[in-house]
Protein backbone atom coordinates (compact mmCIF):
# COMPACT_ATOMS: atom_id res chain seq x y z
CA MET A 1 176.85 -21.80 148.17
CA ILE A 2 178.18 -18.36 147.28
CA ARG A 3 181.75 -17.92 148.39
CA ARG A 4 185.08 -16.31 147.58
CA ILE A 5 187.16 -18.35 145.11
CA ILE A 6 189.87 -17.74 142.57
CA GLN A 7 189.31 -17.14 138.83
CA ILE A 8 192.00 -17.66 136.19
CA ASP A 9 192.08 -15.58 133.00
CA GLU A 10 193.48 -17.98 130.37
CA GLU A 11 194.25 -15.10 128.00
CA LYS A 12 196.63 -13.56 130.51
CA CYS A 13 198.13 -16.94 131.69
CA ASN A 14 201.60 -17.60 130.24
CA GLY A 15 201.69 -21.16 131.44
CA CYS A 16 204.63 -20.69 133.84
CA GLY A 17 203.02 -22.99 136.48
CA ALA A 18 204.02 -20.78 139.46
CA CYS A 19 200.44 -20.72 140.73
CA ALA A 20 200.15 -24.56 140.57
CA SER A 21 203.30 -24.92 142.60
CA ALA A 22 202.08 -22.36 145.15
CA CYS A 23 198.65 -23.99 145.61
CA HIS A 24 199.16 -26.32 148.62
CA GLU A 25 195.72 -27.83 148.15
CA GLY A 26 196.22 -29.05 144.58
CA ALA A 27 193.29 -27.02 143.28
CA ILE A 28 195.24 -25.65 140.33
CA GLY A 29 196.75 -27.77 137.54
CA MET A 30 198.29 -27.22 134.17
CA VAL A 31 196.05 -28.22 131.27
CA ASN A 32 197.19 -27.74 127.65
CA GLY A 33 199.85 -25.29 128.78
CA LYS A 34 197.48 -23.14 130.85
CA ALA A 35 196.69 -22.92 134.58
CA LYS A 36 193.23 -24.21 135.44
CA LEU A 37 191.13 -24.45 138.61
CA LEU A 38 190.61 -28.26 138.69
CA ARG A 39 188.15 -28.48 141.56
CA ASP A 40 186.23 -25.79 143.46
CA ASP A 41 186.22 -27.84 146.66
CA TYR A 42 190.01 -27.91 146.74
CA CYS A 43 190.26 -24.10 146.73
CA ASP A 44 190.29 -22.56 150.18
CA GLY A 45 189.93 -19.05 148.91
CA LEU A 46 193.01 -17.78 150.74
CA GLY A 47 194.82 -16.93 147.56
CA ASP A 48 198.38 -18.25 148.09
CA CYS A 49 198.60 -18.49 144.34
CA LEU A 50 197.81 -14.80 143.61
CA PRO A 51 201.18 -13.18 144.42
CA GLU A 52 203.04 -15.90 142.48
CA CYS A 53 201.31 -15.08 139.17
CA PRO A 54 203.60 -12.77 137.10
CA THR A 55 200.87 -11.76 134.64
CA GLY A 56 197.97 -10.99 137.03
CA ALA A 57 195.88 -13.80 135.54
CA ILE A 58 194.40 -14.76 138.93
CA THR A 59 191.79 -12.76 140.78
CA PHE A 60 189.14 -13.37 143.43
CA VAL A 61 185.44 -13.60 142.56
CA GLU A 62 182.28 -14.24 144.54
CA ARG A 63 180.29 -17.03 142.93
CA GLU A 64 178.36 -20.29 143.39
CA ALA A 65 180.94 -22.90 144.31
CA ALA A 66 181.24 -26.14 146.29
CA ALA A 67 182.32 -25.65 149.83
CA TYR A 68 186.02 -26.16 150.59
CA ASP A 69 186.49 -29.81 151.51
CA GLU A 70 189.46 -30.12 153.84
CA GLN A 71 189.08 -33.92 154.11
CA ALA A 72 189.18 -34.36 150.30
CA VAL A 73 192.21 -32.11 150.09
CA SER A 74 194.02 -34.16 152.80
CA GLU A 75 193.21 -37.39 150.97
CA ASN A 76 194.46 -35.97 147.70
CA LYS A 77 197.77 -34.94 149.39
CA ARG A 78 198.08 -38.39 150.93
CA LYS A 79 197.71 -40.09 147.54
CA LYS A 80 200.25 -37.76 145.90
CA GLU A 81 202.79 -38.45 148.58
CA GLN A 82 202.21 -42.18 148.31
CA ASN A 83 202.64 -42.05 144.52
CA ALA A 84 205.80 -39.97 144.90
CA SER A 85 207.18 -42.45 147.39
CA GLN A 86 206.49 -45.38 145.07
CA ALA A 87 208.01 -43.53 142.08
CA ALA A 88 211.19 -42.86 144.08
CA LYS A 89 211.77 -46.57 144.55
CA VAL A 90 212.09 -47.02 140.81
CA SER A 91 214.90 -45.17 138.99
CA SER A 92 215.10 -44.40 135.33
CA GLN A 93 217.57 -46.47 133.32
CA LEU A 94 217.62 -44.24 130.33
CA GLY A 95 221.31 -43.90 129.44
CA GLN A 96 221.19 -40.91 127.07
CA TRP A 97 219.16 -38.08 125.57
CA PRO A 98 217.59 -37.87 123.03
CA CYS A 99 216.19 -41.38 122.72
CA GLN A 100 213.90 -40.99 119.71
CA ILE A 101 215.43 -42.64 116.62
CA LYS A 102 214.48 -39.57 114.59
CA LEU A 103 216.39 -37.27 116.92
CA VAL A 104 219.43 -39.22 118.04
CA PRO A 105 222.74 -38.40 116.30
CA VAL A 106 224.42 -41.15 114.22
CA ASN A 107 227.67 -40.68 116.18
CA ALA A 108 227.86 -40.04 119.91
CA PRO A 109 230.30 -41.04 122.69
CA TYR A 110 227.54 -43.10 124.45
CA PHE A 111 227.49 -45.55 121.48
CA ASP A 112 231.07 -46.65 122.13
CA GLY A 113 230.96 -50.19 123.49
CA ALA A 114 227.15 -49.94 123.82
CA ASP A 115 224.58 -52.65 123.91
CA LEU A 116 221.74 -51.19 121.91
CA LEU A 117 218.07 -51.45 122.70
CA ILE A 118 215.78 -50.56 119.86
CA ALA A 119 212.29 -50.47 121.32
CA ALA A 120 208.82 -49.77 119.90
CA ASP A 121 207.17 -46.79 121.63
CA CYS A 122 204.30 -48.86 123.08
CA THR A 123 206.46 -51.41 124.82
CA ALA A 124 207.14 -49.07 127.72
CA TYR A 125 203.42 -48.79 128.37
CA ALA A 126 202.50 -52.35 127.78
CA TYR A 127 205.29 -53.89 129.91
CA ALA A 128 205.69 -52.22 133.35
CA ASN A 129 209.26 -53.27 134.09
CA VAL A 130 210.89 -52.16 130.85
CA HIS A 131 213.47 -49.98 132.65
CA GLN A 132 214.85 -52.70 134.93
CA GLU A 133 214.57 -55.70 132.64
CA PHE A 134 215.43 -54.20 129.25
CA MET A 135 216.89 -50.70 129.43
CA GLN A 136 219.36 -51.20 132.26
CA GLY A 137 222.90 -51.10 131.00
CA LYS A 138 221.85 -50.31 127.44
CA ILE A 139 221.51 -47.32 125.13
CA THR A 140 217.85 -47.08 124.27
CA LEU A 141 216.42 -45.93 120.98
CA ILE A 142 212.65 -45.74 120.55
CA GLY A 143 210.31 -45.30 117.62
CA CYS A 144 207.31 -46.48 115.66
CA THR A 145 207.75 -47.20 111.94
CA LYS A 146 204.00 -46.83 111.37
CA LEU A 147 203.34 -43.51 113.16
CA ASP A 148 206.59 -41.85 112.50
CA GLY A 149 206.30 -42.43 108.82
CA VAL A 150 210.11 -42.48 108.54
CA ASP A 151 212.42 -45.13 107.07
CA TYR A 152 214.88 -45.70 109.94
CA GLY A 153 217.01 -48.01 107.84
CA GLU A 154 219.72 -45.63 106.69
CA LYS A 155 220.11 -44.01 110.13
CA LEU A 156 220.27 -47.34 112.01
CA THR A 157 222.76 -48.61 109.50
CA GLN A 158 224.99 -45.55 110.08
CA ILE A 159 224.72 -45.94 113.84
CA ILE A 160 225.69 -49.63 113.74
CA ALA A 161 228.41 -49.21 111.13
CA GLY A 162 229.96 -46.05 112.55
CA ASN A 163 230.07 -46.96 116.24
CA ASP A 164 231.50 -49.74 118.45
CA ILE A 165 228.10 -51.39 119.10
CA GLN A 166 228.38 -54.71 121.06
CA SER A 167 224.87 -56.13 120.66
CA ILE A 168 221.36 -55.25 119.62
CA THR A 169 218.04 -56.09 121.27
CA VAL A 170 214.79 -55.31 119.51
CA LEU A 171 211.78 -54.93 121.80
CA ARG A 172 208.52 -54.88 119.91
CA MET A 173 204.79 -55.46 120.33
CA GLU A 174 202.98 -58.53 119.05
CA VAL A 175 200.89 -56.43 116.62
CA PRO A 176 201.76 -56.76 112.92
CA CYS A 177 202.70 -53.15 112.36
CA CYS A 178 205.54 -53.58 114.87
CA GLY A 179 207.12 -56.08 112.56
CA GLY A 180 208.49 -53.08 110.63
CA LEU A 181 210.81 -52.19 113.46
CA GLU A 182 212.21 -55.71 113.65
CA PHE A 183 212.69 -55.86 109.87
CA VAL A 184 214.37 -52.47 109.56
CA THR A 185 216.75 -53.31 112.38
CA LYS A 186 217.71 -56.66 110.87
CA LYS A 187 218.21 -55.02 107.49
CA ALA A 188 220.33 -52.26 109.07
CA LEU A 189 222.60 -54.75 110.71
CA GLU A 190 223.01 -56.66 107.41
CA ASP A 191 223.76 -53.44 105.54
CA SER A 192 226.25 -52.34 108.14
CA GLY A 193 228.52 -55.30 107.19
CA LYS A 194 228.86 -56.24 110.86
CA SER A 195 228.02 -59.47 112.62
CA LEU A 196 226.61 -58.70 116.08
CA PRO A 197 224.41 -60.61 118.55
CA LEU A 198 220.73 -59.74 117.79
CA GLN A 199 217.86 -60.64 120.04
CA VAL A 200 214.15 -59.92 119.40
CA THR A 201 211.69 -59.92 122.28
CA THR A 202 207.98 -59.53 121.72
CA ILE A 203 205.50 -58.12 124.21
CA SER A 204 201.80 -59.02 124.08
CA ILE A 205 199.05 -56.40 124.28
CA ASN A 206 198.32 -57.89 127.71
CA GLY A 207 201.75 -56.93 128.94
CA THR A 208 203.43 -60.39 128.95
CA ILE A 209 206.63 -61.52 127.28
CA LEU A 210 205.94 -63.86 124.34
CA GLY A 211 209.54 -64.55 123.49
């Protein structure tokens, strides 16, 4: 059917996201830093998003488009509210920022008396309860020795040697490349000259704890 619907000029869009926030139907989303009309049937054609756009990137056009589906919009809203409710029940246990090994400073107040968790990037996706079971009460550093292409050894040695670290837990995947994270941590502890409790836990690609 031919009907009135919004059109977004990506050249004018500055990626502020104001239109997506103003769209109560969820028709607009941010894709690669630009606003995009995700579904024609979510757009009611009323244009609540227009006055929120600071660059004038949104206009009305008359074109062939699926009819506005109020039932689909309501179901989408219900799912979003359900997801938000579930997310609210689980709180983040990240104790500091930044958490990437490449970015974290070698000395920081949060290292004083800290139990350190050095985790492979993939573990948070493979094992659903990482926050509650591993990150809680710890300072978390994440990285991937293969993808980052960086030797963490010197930096981890400085962190361990220069701060009052109480213990170290390494959380890695079962895949062979993840052995690099375990090796570099053990070497850093040895090079630091300290004797600290060190535990290594391995997660399977199926999301179970192997030991």
